[in-house]
Amino acid sequence: MPSTSPSDGPHRAVLDELPPHRCSCGTTRRAFVDESAGAVSVHLLQVQQATTHFHKVATEVYVILDGTGEVELNGVRHEARPMSAFLIPPGTRHRAIGDLTALVVCLPAADDTDEYFD
């Protein structure tokens, strides 16, 4: 008999239809947190007044989909434009700056308790 737990099987999300969640980077729409049993999540992020922060556990990948600006990594600003990608390991202080829309992949899944500020 097939299992019906939320982490079984493939899943689909329409990111721009998910409910918004306020985060330190702006507004995010998070998918697959529960479906992956916390292993991974993917987010549609609209950058708005991002605050520098870091994660002790999570690795994030930012892929810029739209807009121009910068991604600041450990105090160094890098140009951000469509199709730019940034690997952000645990402990990296980071924020996005500008009018940007990004796809964010988070391993393990996003967890607001793994967000730290200096």
C-alpha atoms as a PDB file:
ATOM      1  CA  MET A   1       0.000   0.000   0.000  1.00  0.00           C
ATOM      2  CA  PRO A   2       1.479   3.414  -0.963  1.00  0.00           C
ATOM      3  CA  SER A   3       2.444   5.831   1.795  1.00  0.00           C
ATOM      4  CA  THR A   4       0.616   9.133   2.056  1.00  0.00           C
ATOM      5  CA  SER A   5       3.176  11.088   4.071  1.00  0.00           C
ATOM      6  CA  PRO A   6       3.851  14.594   2.711  1.00  0.00           C
ATOM      7  CA  SER A   7       7.477  13.802   1.812  1.00  0.00           C
ATOM      8  CA  ASP A   8       6.611  10.976  -0.612  1.00  0.00           C
ATOM      9  CA  GLY A   9       6.702  11.459  -4.350  1.00  0.00           C
ATOM     10  CA  PRO A  10       7.351  14.398  -6.643  1.00  0.00           C
ATOM     11  CA  HIS A  11       5.664  17.726  -6.000  1.00  0.00           C
ATOM     12  CA  ARG A  12       4.865  20.835  -8.020  1.00  0.00           C
ATOM     13  CA  ALA A  13       4.648  24.435  -6.836  1.00  0.00           C
ATOM     14  CA  VAL A  14       3.614  27.597  -8.624  1.00  0.00           C
ATOM     15  CA  LEU A  15       5.896  29.988  -6.801  1.00  0.00           C
ATOM     16  CA  ASP A  16       4.130  33.243  -7.623  1.00  0.00           C
ATOM     17  CA  GLU A  17       0.851  31.801  -6.287  1.00  0.00           C
ATOM     18  CA  LEU A  18       2.207  30.825  -2.858  1.00  0.00           C
ATOM     19  CA  PRO A  19       1.448  33.042   0.159  1.00  0.00           C
ATOM     20  CA  PRO A  20       4.090  35.706   0.859  1.00  0.00           C
ATOM     21  CA  HIS A  21       6.326  35.456   3.915  1.00  0.00           C
ATOM     22  CA  ARG A  22       8.314  38.433   5.243  1.00  0.00           C
ATOM     23  CA  CYS A  23      12.008  37.645   5.721  1.00  0.00           C
ATOM     24  CA  SER A  24      15.256  39.549   6.313  1.00  0.00           C
ATOM     25  CA  CYS A  25      15.713  39.914   2.528  1.00  0.00           C
ATOM     26  CA  GLY A  26      12.224  41.116   1.646  1.00  0.00           C
ATOM     27  CA  THR A  27       9.232  39.011   0.645  1.00  0.00           C
ATOM     28  CA  THR A  28       9.591  35.328  -0.129  1.00  0.00           C
ATOM     29  CA  ARG A  29       7.247  32.614  -1.338  1.00  0.00           C
ATOM     30  CA  ARG A  30       8.562  29.287  -0.044  1.00  0.00           C
ATOM     31  CA  ALA A  31       7.940  25.848  -1.529  1.00  0.00           C
ATOM     32  CA  PHE A  32       8.783  22.277  -0.509  1.00  0.00           C
ATOM     33  CA  VAL A  33       9.701  22.894   3.153  1.00  0.00           C
ATOM     34  CA  ASP A  34       7.154  20.335   4.352  1.00  0.00           C
ATOM     35  CA  GLU A  35       7.122  18.168   1.223  1.00  0.00           C
ATOM     36  CA  SER A  36      10.873  17.519   1.523  1.00  0.00           C
ATOM     37  CA  ALA A  37      10.633  16.888   5.271  1.00  0.00           C
ATOM     38  CA  GLY A  38      12.938  19.885   5.754  1.00  0.00           C
ATOM     39  CA  ALA A  39      15.655  18.682   3.384  1.00  0.00           C
ATOM     40  CA  VAL A  40      15.359  21.516   0.826  1.00  0.00           C
ATOM     41  CA  SER A  41      13.230  24.501  -0.082  1.00  0.00           C
ATOM     42  CA  VAL A  42      12.961  26.815  -3.047  1.00  0.00           C
ATOM     43  CA  HIS A  43      11.846  30.429  -2.777  1.00  0.00           C
ATOM     44  CA  LEU A  44      10.761  33.232  -5.036  1.00  0.00           C
ATOM     45  CA  LEU A  45      12.346  36.274  -3.383  1.00  0.00           C
ATOM     46  CA  GLN A  46      11.474  39.900  -4.031  1.00  0.00           C
ATOM     47  CA  VAL A  47      14.274  41.914  -2.436  1.00  0.00           C
ATOM     48  CA  GLN A  48      13.091  44.766  -0.193  1.00  0.00           C
ATOM     49  CA  GLN A  49      15.367  46.512   2.302  1.00  0.00           C
ATOM     50  CA  ALA A  50      17.422  43.402   3.025  1.00  0.00           C
ATOM     51  CA  THR A  51      19.275  43.159   6.322  1.00  0.00           C
ATOM     52  CA  THR A  52      22.715  41.548   6.547  1.00  0.00           C
ATOM     53  CA  HIS A  53      22.400  38.138   8.165  1.00  0.00           C
ATOM     54  CA  PHE A  54      23.907  34.652   8.142  1.00  0.00           C
ATOM     55  CA  HIS A  55      22.909  31.041   8.700  1.00  0.00           C
ATOM     56  CA  LYS A  56      24.790  28.544  10.844  1.00  0.00           C
ATOM     57  CA  VAL A  57      23.337  25.486   9.092  1.00  0.00           C
ATOM     58  CA  ALA A  58      21.852  26.388   5.721  1.00  0.00           C
ATOM     59  CA  THR A  59      23.604  26.756   2.400  1.00  0.00           C
ATOM     60  CA  GLU A  60      21.754  29.017  -0.032  1.00  0.00           C
ATOM     61  CA  VAL A  61      21.994  29.505  -3.766  1.00  0.00           C
ATOM     62  CA  TYR A  62      20.637  32.769  -5.156  1.00  0.00           C
ATOM     63  CA  VAL A  63      19.822  32.884  -8.873  1.00  0.00           C
ATOM     64  CA  ILE A  64      18.873  36.373 -10.033  1.00  0.00           C
ATOM     65  CA  LEU A  65      15.841  36.207 -12.324  1.00  0.00           C
ATOM     66  CA  ASP A  66      15.077  39.874 -12.838  1.00  0.00           C
ATOM     67  CA  GLY A  67      16.389  43.327 -12.006  1.00  0.00           C
ATOM     68  CA  THR A  68      19.783  44.750 -11.245  1.00  0.00           C
ATOM     69  CA  GLY A  69      21.654  45.412  -8.046  1.00  0.00           C
ATOM     70  CA  GLU A  70      24.239  43.725  -5.879  1.00  0.00           C
ATOM     71  CA  VAL A  71      24.672  40.773  -3.573  1.00  0.00           C
ATOM     72  CA  GLU A  72      26.912  41.521  -0.611  1.00  0.00           C
ATOM     73  CA  LEU A  73      28.923  38.544   0.678  1.00  0.00           C
ATOM     74  CA  ASN A  74      31.038  39.074   3.812  1.00  0.00           C
ATOM     75  CA  GLY A  75      31.115  42.813   3.151  1.00  0.00           C
ATOM     76  CA  VAL A  76      32.101  42.576  -0.528  1.00  0.00           C
ATOM     77  CA  ARG A  77      29.521  43.710  -3.075  1.00  0.00           C
ATOM     78  CA  HIS A  78      29.118  41.768  -6.318  1.00  0.00           C
ATOM     79  CA  GLU A  79      27.123  42.815  -9.363  1.00  0.00           C
ATOM     80  CA  ALA A  80      23.773  41.041  -9.593  1.00  0.00           C
ATOM     81  CA  ARG A  81      21.817  40.831 -12.833  1.00  0.00           C
ATOM     82  CA  PRO A  82      19.628  38.201 -14.495  1.00  0.00           C
ATOM     83  CA  MET A  83      21.318  34.791 -14.667  1.00  0.00           C
ATOM     84  CA  SER A  84      23.887  35.681 -11.975  1.00  0.00           C
ATOM     85  CA  ALA A  85      24.167  32.952  -9.349  1.00  0.00           C
ATOM     86  CA  PHE A  86      25.663  33.099  -5.856  1.00  0.00           C
ATOM     87  CA  LEU A  87      26.629  30.194  -3.606  1.00  0.00           C
ATOM     88  CA  ILE A  88      26.271  31.234   0.039  1.00  0.00           C
ATOM     89  CA  PRO A  89      27.737  28.701   2.508  1.00  0.00           C
ATOM     90  CA  PRO A  90      26.883  28.673   6.222  1.00  0.00           C
ATOM     91  CA  GLY A  91      28.521  31.529   8.143  1.00  0.00           C
ATOM     92  CA  THR A  92      28.566  33.901   5.147  1.00  0.00           C
ATOM     93  CA  ARG A  93      27.131  37.284   6.047  1.00  0.00           C
ATOM     94  CA  HIS A  94      24.945  38.322   3.129  1.00  0.00           C
ATOM     95  CA  ARG A  95      22.212  40.517   1.757  1.00  0.00           C
ATOM     96  CA  ALA A  96      20.838  41.511  -1.624  1.00  0.00           C
ATOM     97  CA  ILE A  97      20.668  45.162  -2.640  1.00  0.00           C
ATOM     98  CA  GLY A  98      18.511  46.702  -5.351  1.00  0.00           C
ATOM     99  CA  ASP A  99      15.380  45.925  -7.295  1.00  0.00           C
ATOM    100  CA  LEU A 100      15.923  42.169  -7.630  1.00  0.00           C
ATOM    101  CA  THR A 101      13.824  39.059  -7.989  1.00  0.00           C
ATOM    102  CA  ALA A 102      15.680  35.854  -7.195  1.00  0.00           C
ATOM    103  CA  LEU A 103      15.125  32.140  -7.046  1.00  0.00           C
ATOM    104  CA  VAL A 104      16.653  30.894  -3.794  1.00  0.00           C
ATOM    105  CA  VAL A 105      17.435  27.247  -3.096  1.00  0.00           C
ATOM    106  CA  CYS A 106      18.052  26.466   0.565  1.00  0.00           C
ATOM    107  CA  LEU A 107      19.699  23.269   1.871  1.00  0.00           C
ATOM    108  CA  PRO A 108      18.386  22.199   4.321  1.00  0.00           C
ATOM    109  CA  ALA A 109      15.003  23.877   3.965  1.00  0.00           C
ATOM    110  CA  ALA A 110      14.460  27.413   5.210  1.00  0.00           C
ATOM    111  CA  ASP A 111      14.163  27.650   8.966  1.00  0.00           C
ATOM    112  CA  ASP A 112      13.647  31.071  10.526  1.00  0.00           C
ATOM    113  CA  THR A 113      15.485  29.907  13.670  1.00  0.00           C
ATOM    114  CA  ASP A 114      18.670  29.547  11.561  1.00  0.00           C
ATOM    115  CA  GLU A 115      18.925  33.269  10.888  1.00  0.00           C
ATOM    116  CA  TYR A 116      21.431  35.381  12.789  1.00  0.00           C
ATOM    117  CA  PHE A 117      22.309  39.076  12.885  1.00  0.00           C
ATOM    118  CA  ASP A 118      25.463  40.789  14.139  1.00  0.00           C
END
